[in-house]
Amino acid sequence: MTAAKGGSFLVPLDEKATPFSRFRVQFMRAVGAVMTVASAGIALALATSDAPRLYVALVGVASLIAGAAMAMALRGEGERAVQTVTYGVTGIAAVFLFLIEGTLYVPPVIEVLFSMAILSAFLTSAPHNRIWGLLVGGIILSSTVLRFQRIDDPAVITLGVTDLIQFLLLWTAATQVNRHLRESRMALANRLRDLDVVVDHARSVAQGDLTREVEVRDQEVSGVVGDMLTGLRDMVGQVQEGVAVLATASTNIDSMATQQQRGAVNQSSAVSETRETIQSLAAAAHRIHESAEGVVANARSTQETNERANEQLNALANHTRRINELLELVKEIANKSEILALNAALEGTKAGEAGRGFSLVAAQMQRLAEDTATAIKDVKGLTTDITKSTSATVLSMEEATKLARDTTIAAQQISLITQQQSSGAEQVLEAMNDVAAVTQEFADSATDASAAIQELKSLAEVLDQVAHRFET
């Protein structure tokens, strides 16, 4: 088989073998080499001493057995190498124990058997170990009896029984420890097989296959893996459903965000237009307030002018009444002058030629009286007209004064209202500025939200691709 592998005597370790088998091969390669060298050295030392030739031959045979075991280990036959060493060395030890006359070489041989007990307990199978233990126990017991018969010393029996008890204790302890180690190795092997199952299913899961079922070997590992796969299937199903819902929701949110962004832009434009309108209204209210202040000033001036004109008209009416009174007095004087002129004319007529000049004066006085009466009549007509006009003017002035007063009050109210309107417009303008700022921030937020939603849609697509990698 080695030649078929390529002619090399050293066979590489089988990667498919168990870790214990690989360890046994490596151990026997090292131990075989050490035993071969040690046995050869001991044989050489014995050969140069006065030791019997049989001892030298037995140690040489032990060296050959160790070399053969090392060769088997190098070929990968670890178990055969262990059996060769244990049985071969045990046979040589038995020859020593049965053939030696004294007790000088007994302790080293017993120590070799103790070493073989540990080697057999840990590296051979349980049946071979039991056979070997019984065999060695029988060899120690029978060789002890044989030496006692030769030497007839009770100490030989005591030492032999002590060696037997120590061997049995060591061999039993090593066997129990090895049994525990084997059980641990079997449990570890089972766990490793379960781990291989887990790794195999994990590889399938990594490739997106969730359809494989787990063969339940025990409830501790396989059950957990089965529950894990069931949970993964449920989770992937939920993720797929959630990704579908997320994709739909992100599409709807994107549509709403787009509409919201358009609405924010339109609202921003409307707010800007409203702000400009309010600015115009505020400017108009300010101008109206200034005009109303001018109207108030003009109305007050008109009211004062009308009041002065009213006072002058009242004074004119008083003067007109005084003139009428004077005209009545002049009229009475003219009437009396006319009567006196008439009487003087009569008296002048009675006086004849002497009273002609007096009659002419009387006639002149009569004509003057008549002219005076006519003038008084005309003046009185004029004063009557003046009185009527003055009365009408006074009434008009009173109405104008009242109108000017009402105009002043109305203008004051208009000024107050426009002032309040101007203040309110300024406050509304400030509020609209705040609204414009908020609207702009809202538009910016809508833009950022739209970008975030696009990223969310991309993430939903990636999640959908990842989720559909798994077959449930």
Protein backbone atom coordinates (compact mmCIF):
# COMPACT_ATOMS: atom_id res chain seq x y z
CA MET A 1 0.00 0.00 0.00
CA THR A 2 2.90 2.32 0.75
CA ALA A 3 4.53 1.65 -2.57
CA ALA A 4 1.25 2.27 -4.29
CA LYS A 5 1.14 5.62 -2.54
CA GLY A 6 4.34 6.65 -4.23
CA GLY A 7 7.18 4.55 -2.74
CA SER A 8 7.53 6.50 0.53
CA PHE A 9 7.86 4.47 3.74
CA LEU A 10 6.28 7.26 5.83
CA VAL A 11 2.54 7.25 5.22
CA PRO A 12 0.79 10.59 5.88
CA LEU A 13 -1.90 10.61 8.50
CA ASP A 14 -5.36 9.75 7.27
CA GLU A 15 -7.45 12.91 7.44
CA LYS A 16 -10.63 10.82 7.61
CA ALA A 17 -9.40 8.89 10.67
CA THR A 18 -10.58 9.79 14.15
CA PRO A 19 -8.48 12.19 16.22
CA PHE A 20 -7.68 9.34 18.63
CA SER A 21 -6.35 7.16 15.79
CA ARG A 22 -4.19 10.01 14.50
CA PHE A 23 -2.91 10.65 18.03
CA ARG A 24 -2.09 6.94 18.53
CA VAL A 25 -0.09 6.84 15.30
CA GLN A 26 1.84 9.98 16.18
CA PHE A 27 2.41 8.77 19.75
CA MET A 28 3.71 5.37 18.66
CA ARG A 29 6.00 6.96 16.09
CA ALA A 30 7.61 9.01 18.85
CA VAL A 31 7.53 6.29 21.55
CA GLY A 32 8.75 3.61 19.13
CA ALA A 33 11.72 5.76 18.19
CA VAL A 34 12.56 6.46 21.84
CA MET A 35 12.15 2.78 22.86
CA THR A 36 14.26 1.61 19.93
CA VAL A 37 17.10 3.95 20.81
CA ALA A 38 16.78 3.25 24.57
CA SER A 39 16.66 -0.52 24.10
CA ALA A 40 19.63 -0.46 21.75
CA GLY A 41 21.56 1.64 24.28
CA ILE A 42 20.70 -0.69 27.15
CA ALA A 43 21.66 -3.74 25.09
CA LEU A 44 24.95 -2.11 24.22
CA ALA A 45 25.56 -1.27 27.90
CA LEU A 46 24.73 -4.81 28.98
CA ALA A 47 26.93 -6.25 26.26
CA THR A 48 29.94 -4.36 27.59
CA SER A 49 29.27 -5.43 31.16
CA ASP A 50 29.31 -8.77 32.94
CA ALA A 51 25.56 -9.23 32.47
CA PRO A 52 24.43 -12.62 31.21
CA ARG A 53 24.15 -12.95 27.45
CA LEU A 54 20.49 -13.87 27.80
CA TYR A 55 19.71 -10.45 29.23
CA VAL A 56 21.58 -8.80 26.40
CA ALA A 57 19.66 -10.88 23.88
CA LEU A 58 16.30 -10.10 25.50
CA VAL A 59 17.02 -6.35 25.51
CA GLY A 60 18.12 -6.61 21.89
CA VAL A 61 14.84 -8.37 21.07
CA ALA A 62 13.01 -5.54 22.85
CA SER A 63 14.88 -3.08 20.66
CA LEU A 64 13.76 -5.00 17.57
CA ILE A 65 10.14 -5.08 18.81
CA ALA A 66 10.23 -1.32 19.41
CA GLY A 67 11.68 -0.81 15.94
CA ALA A 68 8.95 -2.97 14.40
CA ALA A 69 6.25 -1.01 16.29
CA MET A 70 7.76 2.26 15.07
CA ALA A 71 7.74 0.92 11.50
CA MET A 72 4.07 -0.01 11.86
CA ALA A 73 3.32 3.45 13.21
CA LEU A 74 5.16 5.04 10.32
CA ARG A 75 2.92 3.05 7.98
CA GLY A 76 -0.15 4.37 9.80
CA GLU A 77 -0.94 1.14 11.70
CA GLY A 78 -1.18 2.63 15.16
CA GLU A 79 -3.25 -0.06 16.88
CA ARG A 80 -1.01 -2.90 15.64
CA ALA A 81 2.03 -0.93 16.77
CA VAL A 82 0.59 -0.62 20.30
CA GLN A 83 -0.30 -4.32 20.45
CA THR A 84 3.16 -5.28 19.22
CA VAL A 85 4.85 -3.19 21.88
CA THR A 86 2.60 -4.25 24.76
CA TYR A 87 2.59 -7.98 24.04
CA GLY A 88 6.23 -8.08 22.89
CA VAL A 89 7.58 -6.17 25.90
CA THR A 90 5.31 -8.17 28.21
CA GLY A 91 6.70 -11.44 26.79
CA ILE A 92 10.28 -10.26 27.29
CA ALA A 93 9.44 -9.14 30.87
CA ALA A 94 7.88 -12.55 31.57
CA VAL A 95 11.08 -14.30 30.37
CA PHE A 96 13.09 -12.03 32.70
CA LEU A 97 10.82 -12.69 35.68
CA PHE A 98 10.79 -16.46 35.14
CA LEU A 99 14.47 -16.91 34.31
CA ILE A 100 16.36 -14.49 36.60
CA GLU A 101 17.77 -16.05 39.74
CA GLY A 102 17.92 -13.07 42.08
CA THR A 103 15.77 -10.01 42.67
CA LEU A 104 18.14 -7.37 41.28
CA TYR A 105 16.35 -6.92 37.95
CA VAL A 106 12.80 -7.45 39.26
CA PRO A 107 11.99 -3.75 40.09
CA PRO A 108 13.05 -2.44 36.63
CA VAL A 109 11.01 -5.16 34.93
CA ILE A 110 7.98 -4.39 37.11
CA GLU A 111 8.37 -0.69 36.28
CA VAL A 112 8.39 -1.58 32.59
CA LEU A 113 5.14 -3.52 33.10
CA PHE A 114 3.68 -0.50 34.93
CA SER A 115 4.54 1.61 31.91
CA MET A 116 2.98 -0.97 29.61
CA ALA A 117 -0.18 -0.88 31.82
CA ILE A 118 -0.67 2.80 31.09
CA LEU A 119 0.15 2.28 27.41
CA SER A 120 -2.30 -0.63 27.11
CA ALA A 121 -5.08 1.11 29.06
CA PHE A 122 -4.97 4.24 26.91
CA LEU A 123 -3.99 2.99 23.46
CA THR A 124 -5.52 -0.49 23.01
CA SER A 125 -9.12 -1.55 22.71
CA ALA A 126 -11.00 -2.67 25.82
CA PRO A 127 -10.95 -6.44 25.04
CA HIS A 128 -7.18 -6.44 24.38
CA ASN A 129 -6.63 -4.36 27.51
CA ARG A 130 -8.58 -6.82 29.70
CA ILE A 131 -6.72 -9.82 28.23
CA TRP A 132 -3.38 -8.10 28.67
CA GLY A 133 -4.15 -7.08 32.28
CA LEU A 134 -5.12 -10.59 33.30
CA LEU A 135 -2.08 -11.93 31.52
CA VAL A 136 0.32 -9.56 33.31
CA GLY A 137 -1.36 -10.20 36.68
CA GLY A 138 -0.90 -13.92 36.20
CA ILE A 139 2.77 -13.41 35.16
CA ILE A 140 3.54 -11.33 38.27
CA LEU A 141 1.78 -13.76 40.57
CA SER A 142 3.33 -16.94 39.08
CA SER A 143 6.80 -15.41 38.87
CA THR A 144 6.55 -14.37 42.51
CA VAL A 145 5.65 -17.94 43.55
CA LEU A 146 8.51 -19.29 41.42
CA ARG A 147 11.06 -16.89 43.01
CA PHE A 148 9.77 -17.77 46.51
CA GLN A 149 10.35 -21.46 45.77
CA ARG A 150 13.88 -20.68 44.65
CA ILE A 151 14.84 -18.26 47.43
CA ASP A 152 12.46 -19.38 50.21
CA ASP A 153 12.22 -15.85 51.63
CA PRO A 154 8.86 -14.48 52.86
CA ALA A 155 9.95 -11.03 51.65
CA VAL A 156 9.71 -12.30 48.10
CA ILE A 157 5.99 -13.06 48.57
CA THR A 158 5.45 -9.70 50.24
CA LEU A 159 7.20 -7.80 47.43
CA GLY A 160 5.46 -9.85 44.79
CA VAL A 161 1.99 -9.27 46.26
CA THR A 162 2.81 -5.57 46.67
CA ASP A 163 3.91 -5.40 43.03
CA LEU A 164 0.73 -7.22 41.97
CA ILE A 165 -1.53 -4.90 44.00
CA GLN A 166 0.25 -1.80 42.69
CA PHE A 167 -0.01 -3.08 39.14
CA LEU A 168 -3.70 -3.90 39.50
CA LEU A 169 -4.39 -0.49 41.08
CA LEU A 170 -2.45 1.33 38.36
CA TRP A 171 -3.95 -0.74 35.57
CA THR A 172 -7.51 -0.40 36.97
CA ALA A 173 -7.14 3.33 37.49
CA ALA A 174 -5.69 3.80 34.01
CA THR A 175 -8.47 1.64 32.56
CA GLN A 176 -11.19 3.64 34.32
CA VAL A 177 -9.63 6.92 33.31
CA ASN A 178 -9.34 5.66 29.74
CA ARG A 179 -12.98 4.49 29.84
CA HIS A 180 -14.00 7.95 30.98
CA LEU A 181 -11.86 9.47 28.27
CA ARG A 182 -13.40 7.16 25.68
CA GLU A 183 -16.89 8.10 26.79
CA SER A 184 -15.86 11.73 26.64
CA ARG A 185 -14.38 11.14 23.19
CA MET A 186 -17.58 9.46 22.05
CA ALA A 187 -19.66 12.31 23.42
CA LEU A 188 -17.30 14.75 21.78
CA ALA A 189 -17.51 12.79 18.53
CA ASN A 190 -21.30 12.90 18.72
CA ARG A 191 -21.14 16.63 19.37
CA LEU A 192 -18.73 16.98 16.47
CA ARG A 193 -21.12 15.05 14.23
CA ASP A 194 -23.92 17.28 15.43
CA LEU A 195 -21.67 20.24 14.81
CA ASP A 196 -21.04 18.93 11.29
CA VAL A 197 -24.81 18.77 10.84
CA VAL A 198 -25.12 22.30 12.15
CA VAL A 199 -22.32 23.50 9.88
CA ASP A 200 -23.86 21.67 6.91
CA HIS A 201 -27.25 23.24 7.54
CA ALA A 202 -25.60 26.60 8.24
CA ARG A 203 -23.87 26.29 4.86
CA SER A 204 -27.23 25.56 3.26
CA VAL A 205 -28.77 28.54 5.07
CA ALA A 206 -25.88 30.74 3.92
CA GLN A 207 -26.65 29.61 0.36
CA GLY A 208 -30.31 30.55 0.89
CA ASP A 209 -31.77 27.06 1.27
CA LEU A 210 -34.20 26.77 4.20
CA THR A 211 -36.08 23.76 2.81
CA ARG A 212 -33.86 21.03 4.28
CA GLU A 213 -35.17 19.15 7.28
CA VAL A 214 -33.01 18.17 10.25
CA GLU A 215 -32.70 14.51 11.21
CA VAL A 216 -33.39 14.52 14.92
CA ARG A 217 -30.71 12.49 16.74
CA ASP A 218 -31.19 14.10 20.11
CA GLN A 219 -33.30 16.90 21.46
CA GLU A 220 -30.34 18.96 22.60
CA VAL A 221 -28.57 19.79 19.34
CA SER A 222 -30.66 18.55 16.45
CA GLY A 223 -33.80 19.85 18.11
CA VAL A 224 -32.20 23.24 18.57
CA VAL A 225 -31.07 23.29 14.94
CA GLY A 226 -34.56 22.26 13.83
CA ASP A 227 -36.11 24.98 15.96
CA MET A 228 -33.55 27.42 14.57
CA LEU A 229 -34.46 26.50 10.98
CA THR A 230 -38.17 26.76 11.78
CA GLY A 231 -37.57 30.13 13.39
CA LEU A 232 -35.50 31.22 10.40
CA ARG A 233 -38.24 30.16 8.00
CA ASP A 234 -40.82 32.08 10.00
CA MET A 235 -38.50 35.07 10.31
CA VAL A 236 -37.65 35.08 6.59
CA GLY A 237 -41.35 34.78 5.77
CA GLN A 238 -42.13 37.67 8.07
CA VAL A 239 -39.22 39.64 6.60
CA GLN A 240 -40.50 39.01 3.09
CA GLU A 241 -44.00 40.11 4.09
CA GLY A 242 -42.57 43.08 5.96
CA VAL A 243 -40.41 44.03 2.96
CA ALA A 244 -43.46 43.92 0.70
CA VAL A 245 -45.39 46.11 3.13
CA LEU A 246 -42.36 48.38 3.48
CA ALA A 247 -42.02 48.71 -0.29
CA THR A 248 -45.72 49.58 -0.64
CA ALA A 249 -45.60 51.98 2.29
CA SER A 250 -42.42 53.65 1.03
CA THR A 251 -44.02 54.09 -2.41
CA ASN A 252 -47.13 55.64 -0.85
CA ILE A 253 -45.04 57.80 1.46
CA ASP A 254 -42.91 58.88 -1.50
CA SER A 255 -46.05 59.89 -3.40
CA MET A 256 -47.40 61.77 -0.39
CA ALA A 257 -44.02 63.39 0.23
CA THR A 258 -43.88 64.52 -3.41
CA GLN A 259 -47.37 66.02 -3.13
CA GLN A 260 -46.42 67.53 0.19
CA GLN A 261 -43.29 69.02 -1.32
CA ARG A 262 -45.29 70.50 -4.19
CA GLY A 263 -47.84 71.82 -1.69
CA ALA A 264 -45.05 73.32 0.37
CA VAL A 265 -43.63 75.06 -2.70
CA ASN A 266 -47.09 76.36 -3.66
CA GLN A 267 -47.73 77.40 -0.10
CA SER A 268 -44.41 79.19 0.01
CA SER A 269 -45.34 81.08 -3.18
CA ALA A 270 -48.78 81.90 -1.76
CA VAL A 271 -47.23 83.06 1.50
CA SER A 272 -44.80 85.27 -0.43
CA GLU A 273 -47.65 86.78 -2.44
CA THR A 274 -49.72 87.24 0.72
CA ARG A 275 -46.78 88.87 2.44
CA GLU A 276 -46.36 91.29 -0.47
CA THR A 277 -50.10 92.04 -0.39
CA ILE A 278 -49.97 92.66 3.35
CA GLN A 279 -46.97 94.91 2.86
CA SER A 280 -49.00 96.88 0.28
CA LEU A 281 -51.96 97.02 2.67
CA ALA A 282 -49.68 98.20 5.47
CA ALA A 283 -48.22 100.92 3.23
CA ALA A 284 -51.75 101.93 2.07
CA ALA A 285 -52.98 102.00 5.66
CA HIS A 286 -50.03 104.18 6.59
CA ARG A 287 -50.81 106.56 3.71
CA ILE A 288 -54.51 106.57 4.68
CA HIS A 289 -53.49 107.32 8.25
CA GLU A 290 -51.39 110.26 7.06
CA SER A 291 -54.24 111.46 4.77
CA ALA A 292 -56.69 111.10 7.65
CA GLU A 293 -54.41 113.19 9.82
CA GLY A 294 -54.44 115.86 7.05
CA VAL A 295 -58.23 115.63 6.82
CA VAL A 296 -58.46 116.06 10.58
CA ALA A 297 -56.27 119.15 10.40
CA ASN A 298 -58.24 120.59 7.45
CA ALA A 299 -61.55 119.80 9.13
CA ARG A 300 -60.44 121.51 12.31
CA SER A 301 -59.26 124.55 10.33
CA THR A 302 -62.56 124.60 8.39
CA GLN A 303 -64.48 124.33 11.65
CA GLU A 304 -62.56 127.23 13.14
CA THR A 305 -63.03 129.29 9.93
CA ASN A 306 -66.77 128.54 9.88
CA GLU A 307 -67.07 129.49 13.53
CA ARG A 308 -65.32 132.83 12.86
CA ALA A 309 -67.46 133.42 9.75
CA ASN A 310 -70.56 132.56 11.80
CA GLU A 311 -69.53 135.12 14.40
CA GLN A 312 -68.98 137.76 11.68
CA LEU A 313 -72.35 136.94 10.10
CA ASN A 314 -74.02 137.30 13.46
CA ALA A 315 -72.29 140.65 13.84
CA LEU A 316 -73.45 141.61 10.32
CA ALA A 317 -77.00 140.61 11.25
CA ASN A 318 -76.77 142.80 14.34
CA HIS A 319 -75.47 145.73 12.24
CA THR A 320 -78.26 145.15 9.72
CA ARG A 321 -80.85 145.29 12.49
CA ARG A 322 -79.21 148.47 13.76
CA ILE A 323 -79.35 149.96 10.25
CA ASN A 324 -83.05 149.08 10.01
CA GLU A 325 -83.62 150.81 13.30
CA LEU A 326 -81.76 153.90 12.04
CA LEU A 327 -83.67 153.75 8.78
CA GLU A 328 -86.94 153.70 10.72
CA LEU A 329 -85.74 156.71 12.62
CA VAL A 330 -84.71 158.50 9.40
CA LYS A 331 -88.03 157.49 7.86
CA GLU A 332 -89.89 159.06 10.74
CA ILE A 333 -87.74 162.15 10.38
CA ALA A 334 -88.42 162.23 6.61
CA ASN A 335 -92.16 161.80 7.21
CA LYS A 336 -92.10 164.59 9.71
CA SER A 337 -89.93 166.67 7.34
CA GLU A 338 -92.46 166.01 4.55
CA ILE A 339 -95.31 167.08 6.80
CA LEU A 340 -93.39 170.20 7.86
CA ALA A 341 -92.55 170.93 4.21
CA LEU A 342 -96.21 170.54 3.32
CA ASN A 343 -97.24 172.86 6.13
CA ALA A 344 -94.51 175.29 5.12
CA ALA A 345 -95.70 175.18 1.51
CA LEU A 346 -99.24 175.92 2.68
CA GLU A 347 -98.05 178.76 4.82
CA GLY A 348 -95.93 180.10 1.96
CA THR A 349 -98.94 179.98 -0.32
CA LYS A 350 -100.88 181.88 2.25
CA ALA A 351 -98.10 184.46 2.50
CA GLY A 352 -98.16 185.09 -1.19
CA GLU A 353 -95.24 186.74 -2.81
CA ALA A 354 -93.40 187.03 0.42
CA GLY A 355 -93.66 183.38 1.13
CA ARG A 356 -92.74 182.19 -2.39
CA GLY A 357 -89.14 181.54 -1.46
CA PHE A 358 -90.21 179.75 1.63
CA SER A 359 -92.57 177.66 -0.53
CA LEU A 360 -89.72 176.76 -2.84
CA VAL A 361 -87.62 175.64 0.10
CA ALA A 362 -90.57 173.74 1.43
CA ALA A 363 -91.05 172.10 -1.94
CA GLN A 364 -87.41 171.21 -2.02
CA MET A 365 -87.63 169.79 1.47
CA GLN A 366 -90.71 167.81 0.47
CA ARG A 367 -88.91 166.34 -2.55
CA LEU A 368 -85.91 165.60 -0.34
CA ALA A 369 -88.18 163.92 2.13
CA GLU A 370 -89.77 161.90 -0.64
CA ASP A 371 -86.32 160.98 -2.03
CA THR A 372 -85.22 160.10 1.45
CA ALA A 373 -88.28 157.92 1.89
CA THR A 374 -87.62 156.30 -1.45
CA ALA A 375 -83.95 155.76 -0.52
CA ILE A 376 -84.94 154.46 2.87
CA LYS A 377 -87.36 152.11 1.21
CA ASP A 378 -84.60 150.90 -1.15
CA VAL A 379 -82.08 150.61 1.67
CA LYS A 380 -84.60 148.79 3.78
CA GLY A 381 -85.19 146.37 0.94
CA LEU A 382 -81.47 145.83 0.69
CA THR A 383 -81.17 145.31 4.44
CA THR A 384 -84.05 142.89 4.30
CA ASP A 385 -82.28 140.97 1.57
CA ILE A 386 -79.06 141.16 3.56
CA THR A 387 -80.88 139.85 6.62
CA LYS A 388 -82.38 136.97 4.67
CA SER A 389 -79.04 136.18 3.05
CA THR A 390 -77.31 136.43 6.39
CA SER A 391 -79.85 134.11 7.99
CA ALA A 392 -79.42 131.59 5.17
CA THR A 393 -75.66 131.96 5.36
CA VAL A 394 -75.76 131.51 9.13
CA LEU A 395 -77.79 128.33 8.71
CA SER A 396 -75.37 127.13 6.03
CA MET A 397 -72.41 127.99 8.19
CA GLU A 398 -73.95 126.16 11.13
CA GLU A 399 -74.49 123.12 8.94
CA ALA A 400 -70.94 123.48 7.56
CA THR A 401 -69.58 123.77 11.10
CA LYS A 402 -71.53 120.67 12.14
CA LEU A 403 -70.31 118.88 9.03
CA ALA A 404 -66.75 119.98 9.75
CA ARG A 405 -67.14 118.73 13.35
CA ASP A 406 -68.54 115.42 12.13
CA THR A 407 -65.76 115.27 9.53
CA THR A 408 -63.18 115.85 12.26
CA ILE A 409 -64.66 113.09 14.41
CA ALA A 410 -64.88 110.71 11.43
CA ALA A 411 -61.35 111.59 10.34
CA GLN A 412 -60.10 110.96 13.89
CA GLN A 413 -61.88 107.61 13.90
CA ILE A 414 -60.47 106.81 10.46
CA SER A 415 -56.99 107.82 11.66
CA LEU A 416 -57.34 105.60 14.74
CA ILE A 417 -58.69 102.71 12.66
CA THR A 418 -55.97 103.07 10.02
CA GLN A 419 -53.36 103.30 12.77
CA GLN A 420 -54.69 100.09 14.30
CA GLN A 421 -54.87 98.58 10.83
CA SER A 422 -51.28 99.59 10.18
CA SER A 423 -50.17 98.04 13.49
CA GLY A 424 -52.21 94.92 12.77
CA ALA A 425 -50.77 94.74 9.27
CA GLU A 426 -47.26 94.97 10.68
CA GLN A 427 -48.05 92.18 13.16
CA VAL A 428 -49.61 90.10 10.40
CA LEU A 429 -46.55 90.83 8.25
CA GLU A 430 -44.27 89.59 11.04
CA ALA A 431 -46.48 86.51 11.42
CA MET A 432 -46.37 85.95 7.66
CA ASN A 433 -42.57 86.25 7.78
CA ASP A 434 -42.56 83.55 10.46
CA VAL A 435 -44.99 81.48 8.37
CA ALA A 436 -42.75 81.98 5.34
CA ALA A 437 -39.72 80.83 7.33
CA VAL A 438 -41.62 77.81 8.67
CA THR A 439 -42.92 77.05 5.18
CA GLN A 440 -39.40 77.22 3.80
CA GLU A 441 -38.17 74.91 6.56
CA PHE A 442 -41.10 72.61 5.82
CA ALA A 443 -40.19 72.62 2.14
CA ASP A 444 -36.56 71.82 3.01
CA SER A 445 -37.76 69.09 5.39
CA ALA A 446 -39.99 67.71 2.66
CA THR A 447 -36.97 67.63 0.34
CA ASP A 448 -34.89 65.84 2.99
CA ALA A 449 -37.81 63.49 3.68
CA SER A 450 -38.05 62.72 -0.03
CA ALA A 451 -34.34 61.87 -0.12
CA ALA A 452 -34.72 59.71 3.01
CA ILE A 453 -37.70 57.93 1.44
CA GLN A 454 -35.65 57.23 -1.67
CA GLU A 455 -32.98 55.67 0.55
CA LEU A 456 -35.75 53.73 2.33
CA LYS A 457 -37.00 52.44 -1.02
CA SER A 458 -33.45 51.40 -1.95
CA LEU A 459 -33.10 49.66 1.41
CA ALA A 460 -36.46 47.92 0.88
CA GLU A 461 -35.26 46.68 -2.52
CA VAL A 462 -32.01 45.40 -0.96
CA LEU A 463 -33.96 43.69 1.85
CA ASP A 464 -36.30 42.18 -0.72
CA GLN A 465 -33.35 40.79 -2.67
CA VAL A 466 -31.78 39.43 0.53
CA ALA A 467 -35.07 37.93 1.75
CA HIS A 468 -35.76 36.21 -1.59
CA ARG A 469 -32.34 34.60 -1.52
CA PHE A 470 -33.84 32.12 0.94
CA GLU A 471 -36.10 29.33 -0.24
CA THR A 472 -38.69 28.48 2.38
